[in-house]
Amino acid sequence: MAISAAIFTALRASPEHVAWLEGVITFVGRQDNLAVRQAAMIALAFNVFVVLVAIMSIMLTVPKGGPRKT
């Protein structure tokens, strides 16, 4: 949570926008908050990445079988 908040804060404070993101998504509407919208998208993408890593680590480390009968 702290890392995604730091990413958002760092990118939001930057007066320049993320240039490569403009080629991927067309922003419609107000353009004065473009840095905030881009910072939020990148921070949320980082959160999705962390969730995917967590799912993969759970799938690789938790045994698949049920309880063992003795």
C-alpha atoms as a PDB file:
ATOM      1  CA  MET A   1       0.000   0.000   0.000  1.00  0.00           C
ATOM      2  CA  ALA A   2       2.778   2.384   0.884  1.00  0.00           C
ATOM      3  CA  ILE A   3       4.630   1.705  -2.352  1.00  0.00           C
ATOM      4  CA  SER A   4       1.568   2.378  -4.516  1.00  0.00           C
ATOM      5  CA  ALA A   5       0.875   5.565  -2.534  1.00  0.00           C
ATOM      6  CA  ALA A   6       4.474   6.644  -3.081  1.00  0.00           C
ATOM      7  CA  ILE A   7       4.189   5.950  -6.808  1.00  0.00           C
ATOM      8  CA  PHE A   8       0.967   7.957  -6.990  1.00  0.00           C
ATOM      9  CA  THR A   9       2.401  10.865  -5.001  1.00  0.00           C
ATOM     10  CA  ALA A  10       5.607  11.005  -7.014  1.00  0.00           C
ATOM     11  CA  LEU A  11       3.875  10.921 -10.389  1.00  0.00           C
ATOM     12  CA  ARG A  12       1.098  13.297  -9.355  1.00  0.00           C
ATOM     13  CA  ALA A  13       3.577  15.923  -8.183  1.00  0.00           C
ATOM     14  CA  SER A  14       5.439  15.824 -11.481  1.00  0.00           C
ATOM     15  CA  PRO A  15       4.404  18.672 -13.775  1.00  0.00           C
ATOM     16  CA  GLU A  16       5.113  16.521 -16.810  1.00  0.00           C
ATOM     17  CA  HIS A  17       2.792  13.728 -17.778  1.00  0.00           C
ATOM     18  CA  VAL A  18       3.706  10.182 -18.693  1.00  0.00           C
ATOM     19  CA  ALA A  19       4.247  10.366 -22.439  1.00  0.00           C
ATOM     20  CA  TRP A  20       3.992   6.654 -23.282  1.00  0.00           C
ATOM     21  CA  LEU A  21       0.597   6.382 -21.588  1.00  0.00           C
ATOM     22  CA  GLU A  22      -0.921   8.847 -24.054  1.00  0.00           C
ATOM     23  CA  GLY A  23      -0.278   6.421 -26.888  1.00  0.00           C
ATOM     24  CA  VAL A  24      -2.128   3.660 -25.054  1.00  0.00           C
ATOM     25  CA  ILE A  25      -5.168   5.537 -23.717  1.00  0.00           C
ATOM     26  CA  THR A  26      -6.916   8.585 -25.090  1.00  0.00           C
ATOM     27  CA  PHE A  27      -7.921  10.942 -22.320  1.00  0.00           C
ATOM     28  CA  VAL A  28     -11.235  12.703 -22.797  1.00  0.00           C
ATOM     29  CA  GLY A  29     -12.587  15.564 -20.748  1.00  0.00           C
ATOM     30  CA  ARG A  30     -10.705  17.920 -18.494  1.00  0.00           C
ATOM     31  CA  GLN A  31      -7.001  18.035 -19.201  1.00  0.00           C
ATOM     32  CA  ASP A  32      -5.896  19.985 -16.113  1.00  0.00           C
ATOM     33  CA  ASN A  33      -5.943  16.841 -13.948  1.00  0.00           C
ATOM     34  CA  LEU A  34      -4.121  14.625 -16.429  1.00  0.00           C
ATOM     35  CA  ALA A  35      -1.141  14.017 -14.126  1.00  0.00           C
ATOM     36  CA  VAL A  36      -3.438  12.829 -11.334  1.00  0.00           C
ATOM     37  CA  ARG A  37      -5.316  10.456 -13.627  1.00  0.00           C
ATOM     38  CA  GLN A  38      -2.127   9.008 -15.059  1.00  0.00           C
ATOM     39  CA  ALA A  39      -0.575   8.630 -11.601  1.00  0.00           C
ATOM     40  CA  ALA A  40      -3.662   6.798 -10.364  1.00  0.00           C
ATOM     41  CA  MET A  41      -3.638   4.449 -13.359  1.00  0.00           C
ATOM     42  CA  ILE A  42       0.006   3.533 -12.861  1.00  0.00           C
ATOM     43  CA  ALA A  43      -0.423   3.071  -9.091  1.00  0.00           C
ATOM     44  CA  LEU A  44      -3.432   0.803  -9.673  1.00  0.00           C
ATOM     45  CA  ALA A  45      -1.499  -1.153 -12.303  1.00  0.00           C
ATOM     46  CA  PHE A  46       1.232  -1.692  -9.695  1.00  0.00           C
ATOM     47  CA  ASN A  47      -1.431  -2.971  -7.272  1.00  0.00           C
ATOM     48  CA  VAL A  48      -2.696  -5.436  -9.900  1.00  0.00           C
ATOM     49  CA  PHE A  49       0.882  -6.611 -10.452  1.00  0.00           C
ATOM     50  CA  VAL A  50       1.330  -7.199  -6.709  1.00  0.00           C
ATOM     51  CA  VAL A  51      -1.934  -9.168  -6.573  1.00  0.00           C
ATOM     52  CA  LEU A  52      -0.816 -11.352  -9.488  1.00  0.00           C
ATOM     53  CA  VAL A  53       2.532 -12.020  -7.801  1.00  0.00           C
ATOM     54  CA  ALA A  54       0.703 -12.940  -4.581  1.00  0.00           C
ATOM     55  CA  ILE A  55      -1.607 -15.341  -6.432  1.00  0.00           C
ATOM     56  CA  MET A  56       1.332 -16.975  -8.182  1.00  0.00           C
ATOM     57  CA  SER A  57       3.250 -17.385  -4.929  1.00  0.00           C
ATOM     58  CA  ILE A  58       0.193 -18.944  -3.267  1.00  0.00           C
ATOM     59  CA  MET A  59      -0.294 -21.338  -6.168  1.00  0.00           C
ATOM     60  CA  LEU A  60       3.345 -22.388  -6.033  1.00  0.00           C
ATOM     61  CA  THR A  61       3.737 -22.756  -2.276  1.00  0.00           C
ATOM     62  CA  VAL A  62       0.412 -24.069  -0.901  1.00  0.00           C
ATOM     63  CA  PRO A  63      -0.044 -27.835  -1.323  1.00  0.00           C
ATOM     64  CA  LYS A  64      -2.944 -28.877  -3.546  1.00  0.00           C
ATOM     65  CA  GLY A  65      -4.029 -31.995  -1.719  1.00  0.00           C
ATOM     66  CA  GLY A  66      -6.598 -32.145   1.039  1.00  0.00           C
ATOM     67  CA  PRO A  67      -5.890 -33.253   4.572  1.00  0.00           C
ATOM     68  CA  ARG A  68      -3.892 -36.464   4.839  1.00  0.00           C
ATOM     69  CA  LYS A  69      -5.605 -39.509   6.256  1.00  0.00           C
ATOM     70  CA  THR A  70      -3.490 -41.428   8.733  1.00  0.00           C
END
